[in-house]
Amino acid sequence: MLTFLGNYVLGRDVAVFSGSFIDVFARLGVSEHAL
């Protein structure tokens, strides 16, 4: 998660939708509950 934030959020005044995190981490094999 910190890697994702460092590449796509750091330096920007933005926030990411929780559902987007679920989609990204599903690609990594992380369940919605764990995310």
PDB file of all heavy atoms in Angstrom:
ATOM      1  N   MET A   1       0.832  -1.204   0.000  1.00  0.00           N
ATOM      2  CA  MET A   1       0.000   0.000   0.000  1.00  0.00           C
ATOM      3  C   MET A   1       0.867   1.255   0.000  1.00  0.00           C
ATOM      4  O   MET A   1       0.606   2.219  -0.739  1.00  0.00           O
ATOM      5  CB  MET A   1      -0.921  -0.007   1.218  1.00  0.00           C
ATOM      6  CG  MET A   1      -1.774   1.245   1.359  1.00  0.00           C
ATOM      7  SD  MET A   1      -3.039   1.368   0.080  1.00  0.00           S
ATOM      8  CE  MET A   1      -4.192   0.108   0.660  1.00  0.00           C
ATOM      9  N   LEU A   2       1.918   1.265   0.824  1.00  0.00           N
ATOM     10  CA  LEU A   2       2.801   2.427   0.852  1.00  0.00           C
ATOM     11  C   LEU A   2       3.514   2.610  -0.488  1.00  0.00           C
ATOM     12  O   LEU A   2       3.733   3.743  -0.933  1.00  0.00           O
ATOM     13  CB  LEU A   2       3.814   2.283   1.992  1.00  0.00           C
ATOM     14  CG  LEU A   2       3.238   2.423   3.401  1.00  0.00           C
ATOM     15  CD1 LEU A   2       4.274   2.020   4.449  1.00  0.00           C
ATOM     16  CD2 LEU A   2       2.758   3.844   3.652  1.00  0.00           C
ATOM     17  N   THR A   3       3.859   1.502  -1.142  1.00  0.00           N
ATOM     18  CA  THR A   3       4.451   1.608  -2.473  1.00  0.00           C
ATOM     19  C   THR A   3       3.480   2.250  -3.450  1.00  0.00           C
ATOM     20  O   THR A   3       3.853   3.143  -4.226  1.00  0.00           O
ATOM     21  CB  THR A   3       4.866   0.220  -2.989  1.00  0.00           C
ATOM     22  OG1 THR A   3       5.829  -0.354  -2.106  1.00  0.00           O
ATOM     23  CG2 THR A   3       5.476   0.315  -4.384  1.00  0.00           C
ATOM     24  N   PHE A   4       2.240   1.814  -3.433  1.00  0.00           N
ATOM     25  CA  PHE A   4       1.212   2.391  -4.310  1.00  0.00           C
ATOM     26  C   PHE A   4       1.069   3.887  -4.039  1.00  0.00           C
ATOM     27  O   PHE A   4       1.061   4.707  -4.958  1.00  0.00           O
ATOM     28  CB  PHE A   4      -0.121   1.674  -4.098  1.00  0.00           C
ATOM     29  CG  PHE A   4      -1.233   2.199  -4.952  1.00  0.00           C
ATOM     30  CD1 PHE A   4      -1.514   1.631  -6.179  1.00  0.00           C
ATOM     31  CD2 PHE A   4      -2.008   3.284  -4.533  1.00  0.00           C
ATOM     32  CE1 PHE A   4      -2.540   2.117  -6.984  1.00  0.00           C
ATOM     33  CE2 PHE A   4      -3.030   3.783  -5.328  1.00  0.00           C
ATOM     34  CZ  PHE A   4      -3.296   3.203  -6.553  1.00  0.00           C
ATOM     35  N   LEU A   5       0.957   4.248  -2.780  1.00  0.00           N
ATOM     36  CA  LEU A   5       0.765   5.649  -2.413  1.00  0.00           C
ATOM     37  C   LEU A   5       1.976   6.493  -2.808  1.00  0.00           C
ATOM     38  O   LEU A   5       1.829   7.633  -3.256  1.00  0.00           O
ATOM     39  CB  LEU A   5       0.507   5.766  -0.912  1.00  0.00           C
ATOM     40  CG  LEU A   5      -0.774   5.102  -0.395  1.00  0.00           C
ATOM     41  CD1 LEU A   5      -0.767   5.048   1.122  1.00  0.00           C
ATOM     42  CD2 LEU A   5      -2.005   5.848  -0.898  1.00  0.00           C
ATOM     43  N   GLY A   6       3.167   5.935  -2.641  1.00  0.00           N
ATOM     44  CA  GLY A   6       4.370   6.680  -2.992  1.00  0.00           C
ATOM     45  C   GLY A   6       4.473   6.961  -4.472  1.00  0.00           C
ATOM     46  O   GLY A   6       5.046   7.979  -4.879  1.00  0.00           O
ATOM     47  N   ASN A   7       3.915   6.079  -5.286  1.00  0.00           N
ATOM     48  CA  ASN A   7       4.017   6.251  -6.734  1.00  0.00           C
ATOM     49  C   ASN A   7       2.868   7.050  -7.329  1.00  0.00           C
ATOM     50  O   ASN A   7       3.055   7.733  -8.343  1.00  0.00           O
ATOM     51  CB  ASN A   7       4.077   4.873  -7.410  1.00  0.00           C
ATOM     52  CG  ASN A   7       5.459   4.274  -7.377  1.00  0.00           C
ATOM     53  OD1 ASN A   7       6.280   4.539  -8.240  1.00  0.00           O
ATOM     54  ND2 ASN A   7       5.743   3.488  -6.352  1.00  0.00           N
ATOM     55  N   TYR A   8       1.679   6.990  -6.720  1.00  0.00           N
ATOM     56  CA  TYR A   8       0.497   7.565  -7.382  1.00  0.00           C
ATOM     57  C   TYR A   8      -0.227   8.629  -6.551  1.00  0.00           C
ATOM     58  O   TYR A   8      -1.161   9.241  -7.076  1.00  0.00           O
ATOM     59  CB  TYR A   8      -0.464   6.440  -7.769  1.00  0.00           C
ATOM     60  CG  TYR A   8       0.218   5.376  -8.595  1.00  0.00           C
ATOM     61  CD1 TYR A   8       0.424   4.087  -8.104  1.00  0.00           C
ATOM     62  CD2 TYR A   8       0.721   5.681  -9.865  1.00  0.00           C
ATOM     63  CE1 TYR A   8       1.086   3.131  -8.862  1.00  0.00           C
ATOM     64  CE2 TYR A   8       1.387   4.729 -10.615  1.00  0.00           C
ATOM     65  CZ  TYR A   8       1.565   3.451 -10.111  1.00  0.00           C
ATOM     66  OH  TYR A   8       2.232   2.518 -10.850  1.00  0.00           O
ATOM     67  N   VAL A   9       0.201   8.851  -5.324  1.00  0.00           N
ATOM     68  CA  VAL A   9      -0.478   9.838  -4.481  1.00  0.00           C
ATOM     69  C   VAL A   9       0.497  10.880  -3.930  1.00  0.00           C
ATOM     70  O   VAL A   9       0.146  12.061  -3.841  1.00  0.00           O
ATOM     71  CB  VAL A   9      -1.229   9.142  -3.325  1.00  0.00           C
ATOM     72  CG1 VAL A   9      -1.873  10.170  -2.398  1.00  0.00           C
ATOM     73  CG2 VAL A   9      -2.290   8.190  -3.873  1.00  0.00           C
ATOM     74  N   LEU A  10       1.696  10.482  -3.567  1.00  0.00           N
ATOM     75  CA  LEU A  10       2.664  11.401  -2.973  1.00  0.00           C
ATOM     76  C   LEU A  10       2.903  12.605  -3.886  1.00  0.00           C
ATOM     77  O   LEU A  10       3.097  12.463  -5.087  1.00  0.00           O
ATOM     78  CB  LEU A  10       3.995  10.682  -2.731  1.00  0.00           C
ATOM     79  CG  LEU A  10       5.086  11.517  -2.052  1.00  0.00           C
ATOM     80  CD1 LEU A  10       4.676  11.924  -0.644  1.00  0.00           C
ATOM     81  CD2 LEU A  10       6.395  10.738  -2.030  1.00  0.00           C
ATOM     82  N   GLY A  11       2.864  13.795  -3.299  1.00  0.00           N
ATOM     83  CA  GLY A  11       3.081  15.022  -4.055  1.00  0.00           C
ATOM     84  C   GLY A  11       1.829  15.584  -4.689  1.00  0.00           C
ATOM     85  O   GLY A  11       1.891  16.611  -5.365  1.00  0.00           O
ATOM     86  N   ARG A  12       0.702  14.927  -4.485  1.00  0.00           N
ATOM     87  CA  ARG A  12      -0.575  15.394  -5.028  1.00  0.00           C
ATOM     88  C   ARG A  12      -1.576  15.522  -3.885  1.00  0.00           C
ATOM     89  O   ARG A  12      -1.573  14.705  -2.962  1.00  0.00           O
ATOM     90  CB  ARG A  12      -1.123  14.395  -6.056  1.00  0.00           C
ATOM     91  CG  ARG A  12      -0.166  14.052  -7.183  1.00  0.00           C
ATOM     92  CD  ARG A  12      -0.663  12.853  -7.980  1.00  0.00           C
ATOM     93  NE  ARG A  12      -1.956  13.105  -8.616  1.00  0.00           N
ATOM     94  CZ  ARG A  12      -2.715  12.150  -9.162  1.00  0.00           C
ATOM     95  NH1 ARG A  12      -2.312  10.889  -9.126  1.00  0.00           N
ATOM     96  NH2 ARG A  12      -3.863  12.450  -9.740  1.00  0.00           N
ATOM     97  N   ASP A  13      -2.419  16.509  -3.929  1.00  0.00           N
ATOM     98  CA  ASP A  13      -3.451  16.681  -2.910  1.00  0.00           C
ATOM     99  C   ASP A  13      -4.695  15.914  -3.359  1.00  0.00           C
ATOM    100  O   ASP A  13      -5.703  16.496  -3.785  1.00  0.00           O
ATOM    101  CB  ASP A  13      -3.757  18.169  -2.716  1.00  0.00           C
ATOM    102  CG  ASP A  13      -4.643  18.422  -1.507  1.00  0.00           C
ATOM    103  OD1 ASP A  13      -4.763  17.508  -0.664  1.00  0.00           O
ATOM    104  OD2 ASP A  13      -5.217  19.524  -1.412  1.00  0.00           O
ATOM    105  N   VAL A  14      -4.623  14.582  -3.258  1.00  0.00           N
ATOM    106  CA  VAL A  14      -5.674  13.717  -3.776  1.00  0.00           C
ATOM    107  C   VAL A  14      -5.963  12.598  -2.786  1.00  0.00           C
ATOM    108  O   VAL A  14      -5.201  12.360  -1.835  1.00  0.00           O
ATOM    109  CB  VAL A  14      -5.283  13.105  -5.144  1.00  0.00           C
ATOM    110  CG1 VAL A  14      -5.026  14.195  -6.183  1.00  0.00           C
ATOM    111  CG2 VAL A  14      -4.057  12.201  -4.994  1.00  0.00           C
ATOM    112  N   ALA A  15      -7.065  11.904  -3.033  1.00  0.00           N
ATOM    113  CA  ALA A  15      -7.432  10.713  -2.272  1.00  0.00           C
ATOM    114  C   ALA A  15      -7.964   9.666  -3.239  1.00  0.00           C
ATOM    115  O   ALA A  15      -8.470   9.988  -4.322  1.00  0.00           O
ATOM    116  CB  ALA A  15      -8.469  11.046  -1.209  1.00  0.00           C
ATOM    117  N   VAL A  16      -7.859   8.400  -2.845  1.00  0.00           N
ATOM    118  CA  VAL A  16      -8.213   7.271  -3.709  1.00  0.00           C
ATOM    119  C   VAL A  16      -9.456   6.573  -3.150  1.00  0.00           C
ATOM    120  O   VAL A  16      -9.558   6.323  -1.946  1.00  0.00           O
ATOM    121  CB  VAL A  16      -7.047   6.272  -3.806  1.00  0.00           C
ATOM    122  CG1 VAL A  16      -7.412   5.110  -4.732  1.00  0.00           C
ATOM    123  CG2 VAL A  16      -5.779   6.973  -4.295  1.00  0.00           C
ATOM    124  N   PHE A  17     -10.384   6.247  -4.037  1.00  0.00           N
ATOM    125  CA  PHE A  17     -11.615   5.549  -3.673  1.00  0.00           C
ATOM    126  C   PHE A  17     -11.289   4.170  -3.102  1.00  0.00           C
ATOM    127  O   PHE A  17     -10.446   3.444  -3.636  1.00  0.00           O
ATOM    128  CB  PHE A  17     -12.501   5.417  -4.911  1.00  0.00           C
ATOM    129  CG  PHE A  17     -13.748   4.624  -4.711  1.00  0.00           C
ATOM    130  CD1 PHE A  17     -14.574   4.811  -3.613  1.00  0.00           C
ATOM    131  CD2 PHE A  17     -14.113   3.668  -5.662  1.00  0.00           C
ATOM    132  CE1 PHE A  17     -15.728   4.067  -3.439  1.00  0.00           C
ATOM    133  CE2 PHE A  17     -15.270   2.926  -5.503  1.00  0.00           C
ATOM    134  CZ  PHE A  17     -16.077   3.122  -4.384  1.00  0.00           C
ATOM    135  N   SER A  18     -11.978   3.804  -2.031  1.00  0.00           N
ATOM    136  CA  SER A  18     -11.724   2.514  -1.389  1.00  0.00           C
ATOM    137  C   SER A  18     -11.929   1.357  -2.361  1.00  0.00           C
ATOM    138  O   SER A  18     -11.180   0.365  -2.343  1.00  0.00           O
ATOM    139  CB  SER A  18     -12.629   2.344  -0.171  1.00  0.00           C
ATOM    140  OG  SER A  18     -13.995   2.406  -0.550  1.00  0.00           O
ATOM    141  N   GLY A  19     -12.927   1.471  -3.229  1.00  0.00           N
ATOM    142  CA  GLY A  19     -13.159   0.410  -4.207  1.00  0.00           C
ATOM    143  C   GLY A  19     -12.008   0.233  -5.171  1.00  0.00           C
ATOM    144  O   GLY A  19     -11.748  -0.876  -5.649  1.00  0.00           O
ATOM    145  N   SER A  20     -11.287   1.313  -5.462  1.00  0.00           N
ATOM    146  CA  SER A  20     -10.117   1.206  -6.338  1.00  0.00           C
ATOM    147  C   SER A  20      -9.010   0.411  -5.665  1.00  0.00           C
ATOM    148  O   SER A  20      -8.324  -0.393  -6.311  1.00  0.00           O
ATOM    149  CB  SER A  20      -9.614   2.603  -6.711  1.00  0.00           C
ATOM    150  OG  SER A  20     -10.591   3.321  -7.447  1.00  0.00           O
ATOM    151  N   PHE A  21      -8.825   0.630  -4.367  1.00  0.00           N
ATOM    152  CA  PHE A  21      -7.838  -0.163  -3.635  1.00  0.00           C
ATOM    153  C   PHE A  21      -8.212  -1.636  -3.662  1.00  0.00           C
ATOM    154  O   PHE A  21      -7.354  -2.513  -3.826  1.00  0.00           O
ATOM    155  CB  PHE A  21      -7.736   0.311  -2.183  1.00  0.00           C
ATOM    156  CG  PHE A  21      -6.954   1.581  -1.996  1.00  0.00           C
ATOM    157  CD1 PHE A  21      -7.489   2.652  -1.307  1.00  0.00           C
ATOM    158  CD2 PHE A  21      -5.666   1.702  -2.495  1.00  0.00           C
ATOM    159  CE1 PHE A  21      -6.775   3.821  -1.118  1.00  0.00           C
ATOM    160  CE2 PHE A  21      -4.936   2.863  -2.313  1.00  0.00           C
ATOM    161  CZ  PHE A  21      -5.490   3.927  -1.624  1.00  0.00           C
ATOM    162  N   ILE A  22      -9.490  -1.923  -3.503  1.00  0.00           N
ATOM    163  CA  ILE A  22      -9.939  -3.317  -3.539  1.00  0.00           C
ATOM    164  C   ILE A  22      -9.604  -3.948  -4.886  1.00  0.00           C
ATOM    165  O   ILE A  22      -9.097  -5.078  -4.949  1.00  0.00           O
ATOM    166  CB  ILE A  22     -11.450  -3.396  -3.255  1.00  0.00           C
ATOM    167  CG1 ILE A  22     -11.736  -2.986  -1.804  1.00  0.00           C
ATOM    168  CG2 ILE A  22     -11.985  -4.801  -3.535  1.00  0.00           C
ATOM    169  CD1 ILE A  22     -13.204  -2.816  -1.489  1.00  0.00           C
ATOM    170  N   ASP A  23      -9.848  -3.224  -5.969  1.00  0.00           N
ATOM    171  CA  ASP A  23      -9.560  -3.752  -7.304  1.00  0.00           C
ATOM    172  C   ASP A  23      -8.066  -3.982  -7.503  1.00  0.00           C
ATOM    173  O   ASP A  23      -7.644  -5.016  -8.030  1.00  0.00           O
ATOM    174  CB  ASP A  23     -10.081  -2.783  -8.371  1.00  0.00           C
ATOM    175  CG  ASP A  23     -11.596  -2.724  -8.413  1.00  0.00           C
ATOM    176  OD1 ASP A  23     -12.233  -3.643  -7.869  1.00  0.00           O
ATOM    177  OD2 ASP A  23     -12.132  -1.754  -8.981  1.00  0.00           O
ATOM    178  N   VAL A  24      -7.246  -3.004  -7.086  1.00  0.00           N
ATOM    179  CA  VAL A  24      -5.799  -3.124  -7.282  1.00  0.00           C
ATOM    180  C   VAL A  24      -5.251  -4.298  -6.479  1.00  0.00           C
ATOM    181  O   VAL A  24      -4.474  -5.119  -6.986  1.00  0.00           O
ATOM    182  CB  VAL A  24      -5.088  -1.816  -6.883  1.00  0.00           C
ATOM    183  CG1 VAL A  24      -3.576  -2.031  -6.789  1.00  0.00           C
ATOM    184  CG2 VAL A  24      -5.401  -0.718  -7.882  1.00  0.00           C
ATOM    185  N   PHE A  25      -5.663  -4.409  -5.214  1.00  0.00           N
ATOM    186  CA  PHE A  25      -5.077  -5.450  -4.375  1.00  0.00           C
ATOM    187  C   PHE A  25      -5.640  -6.835  -4.680  1.00  0.00           C
ATOM    188  O   PHE A  25      -4.999  -7.840  -4.373  1.00  0.00           O
ATOM    189  CB  PHE A  25      -5.231  -5.069  -2.900  1.00  0.00           C
ATOM    190  CG  PHE A  25      -4.170  -4.120  -2.443  1.00  0.00           C
ATOM    191  CD1 PHE A  25      -4.229  -2.773  -2.774  1.00  0.00           C
ATOM    192  CD2 PHE A  25      -3.080  -4.567  -1.718  1.00  0.00           C
ATOM    193  CE1 PHE A  25      -3.231  -1.893  -2.390  1.00  0.00           C
ATOM    194  CE2 PHE A  25      -2.084  -3.704  -1.325  1.00  0.00           C
ATOM    195  CZ  PHE A  25      -2.152  -2.360  -1.658  1.00  0.00           C
ATOM    196  N   ALA A  26      -6.802  -6.895  -5.306  1.00  0.00           N
ATOM    197  CA  ALA A  26      -7.279  -8.191  -5.788  1.00  0.00           C
ATOM    198  C   ALA A  26      -6.321  -8.738  -6.840  1.00  0.00           C
ATOM    199  O   ALA A  26      -6.097  -9.955  -6.919  1.00  0.00           O
ATOM    200  CB  ALA A  26      -8.684  -8.048  -6.366  1.00  0.00           C
ATOM    201  N   ARG A  27      -5.742  -7.858  -7.651  1.00  0.00           N
ATOM    202  CA  ARG A  27      -4.751  -8.290  -8.640  1.00  0.00           C
ATOM    203  C   ARG A  27      -3.528  -8.903  -7.969  1.00  0.00           C
ATOM    204  O   ARG A  27      -2.840  -9.750  -8.543  1.00  0.00           O
ATOM    205  CB  ARG A  27      -4.295  -7.095  -9.491  1.00  0.00           C
ATOM    206  CG  ARG A  27      -5.394  -6.405 -10.297  1.00  0.00           C
ATOM    207  CD  ARG A  27      -4.897  -5.058 -10.813  1.00  0.00           C
ATOM    208  NE  ARG A  27      -5.937  -4.305 -11.505  1.00  0.00           N
ATOM    209  CZ  ARG A  27      -6.046  -4.234 -12.829  1.00  0.00           C
ATOM    210  NH1 ARG A  27      -5.182  -4.871 -13.599  1.00  0.00           N
ATOM    211  NH2 ARG A  27      -7.015  -3.536 -13.374  1.00  0.00           N
ATOM    212  N   LEU A  28      -3.254  -8.444  -6.738  1.00  0.00           N
ATOM    213  CA  LEU A  28      -2.097  -8.921  -5.994  1.00  0.00           C
ATOM    214  C   LEU A  28      -2.410 -10.144  -5.137  1.00  0.00           C
ATOM    215  O   LEU A  28      -1.554 -10.637  -4.416  1.00  0.00           O
ATOM    216  CB  LEU A  28      -1.577  -7.796  -5.092  1.00  0.00           C
ATOM    217  CG  LEU A  28      -0.861  -6.649  -5.809  1.00  0.00           C
ATOM    218  CD1 LEU A  28      -1.034  -5.342  -5.068  1.00  0.00           C
ATOM    219  CD2 LEU A  28       0.615  -6.983  -5.975  1.00  0.00           C
ATOM    220  N   GLY A  29      -3.646 -10.618  -5.191  1.00  0.00           N
ATOM    221  CA  GLY A  29      -4.018 -11.784  -4.410  1.00  0.00           C
ATOM    222  C   GLY A  29      -4.433 -11.472  -2.996  1.00  0.00           C
ATOM    223  O   GLY A  29      -4.504 -12.374  -2.148  1.00  0.00           O
ATOM    224  N   VAL A  30      -4.730 -10.202  -2.686  1.00  0.00           N
ATOM    225  CA  VAL A  30      -5.153  -9.799  -1.347  1.00  0.00           C
ATOM    226  C   VAL A  30      -6.672  -9.704  -1.336  1.00  0.00           C
ATOM    227  O   VAL A  30      -7.263  -9.016  -2.178  1.00  0.00           O
ATOM    228  CB  VAL A  30      -4.524  -8.449  -0.947  1.00  0.00           C
ATOM    229  CG1 VAL A  30      -5.013  -7.996   0.425  1.00  0.00           C
ATOM    230  CG2 VAL A  30      -2.996  -8.558  -0.960  1.00  0.00           C
ATOM    231  N   SER A  31      -7.313 -10.352  -0.390  1.00  0.00           N
ATOM    232  CA  SER A  31      -8.764 -10.373  -0.331  1.00  0.00           C
ATOM    233  C   SER A  31      -9.320  -9.013   0.072  1.00  0.00           C
ATOM    234  O   SER A  31      -8.627  -8.179   0.657  1.00  0.00           O
ATOM    235  CB  SER A  31      -9.234 -11.421   0.685  1.00  0.00           C
ATOM    236  OG  SER A  31      -8.922 -11.007   2.002  1.00  0.00           O
ATOM    237  N   GLU A  32     -10.613  -8.814  -0.228  1.00  0.00           N
ATOM    238  CA  GLU A  32     -11.259  -7.552   0.155  1.00  0.00           C
ATOM    239  C   GLU A  32     -11.240  -7.375   1.672  1.00  0.00           C
ATOM    240  O   GLU A  32     -11.006  -6.268   2.176  1.00  0.00           O
ATOM    241  CB  GLU A  32     -12.692  -7.516  -0.361  1.00  0.00           C
ATOM    242  CG  GLU A  32     -13.440  -6.245   0.028  1.00  0.00           C
ATOM    243  CD  GLU A  32     -14.832  -6.172  -0.561  1.00  0.00           C
ATOM    244  OE1 GLU A  32     -15.122  -6.934  -1.505  1.00  0.00           O
ATOM    245  OE2 GLU A  32     -15.641  -5.339  -0.072  1.00  0.00           O
ATOM    246  N   HIS A  33     -11.466  -8.453   2.403  1.00  0.00           N
ATOM    247  CA  HIS A  33     -11.463  -8.354   3.863  1.00  0.00           C
ATOM    248  C   HIS A  33     -10.088  -7.919   4.369  1.00  0.00           C
ATOM    249  O   HIS A  33      -9.983  -7.028   5.231  1.00  0.00           O
ATOM    250  CB  HIS A  33     -11.838  -9.700   4.479  1.00  0.00           C
ATOM    251  CG  HIS A  33     -11.696  -9.742   5.970  1.00  0.00           C
ATOM    252  ND1 HIS A  33     -12.570  -9.113   6.823  1.00  0.00           N
ATOM    253  CD2 HIS A  33     -10.735 -10.324   6.755  1.00  0.00           C
ATOM    254  CE1 HIS A  33     -12.186  -9.302   8.072  1.00  0.00           C
ATOM    255  NE2 HIS A  33     -11.075 -10.043   8.053  1.00  0.00           N
ATOM    256  N   ALA A  34      -9.018  -8.535   3.863  1.00  0.00           N
ATOM    257  CA  ALA A  34      -7.672  -8.176   4.296  1.00  0.00           C
ATOM    258  C   ALA A  34      -7.340  -6.737   3.906  1.00  0.00           C
ATOM    259  O   ALA A  34      -6.702  -6.002   4.669  1.00  0.00           O
ATOM    260  CB  ALA A  34      -6.649  -9.140   3.699  1.00  0.00           C
ATOM    261  N   LEU A  35      -7.794  -6.319   2.724  1.00  0.00           N
ATOM    262  CA  LEU A  35      -7.521  -4.962   2.269  1.00  0.00           C
ATOM    263  C   LEU A  35      -8.236  -3.952   3.155  1.00  0.00           C
ATOM    264  O   LEU A  35      -7.648  -2.940   3.576  1.00  0.00           O
ATOM    265  CB  LEU A  35      -7.939  -4.806   0.809  1.00  0.00           C
ATOM    266  CG  LEU A  35      -7.652  -3.493   0.081  1.00  0.00           C
ATOM    267  CD1 LEU A  35      -8.692  -2.441   0.348  1.00  0.00           C
ATOM    268  CD2 LEU A  35      -6.264  -2.960   0.414  1.00  0.00           C
TER     269      LEU A  35
END
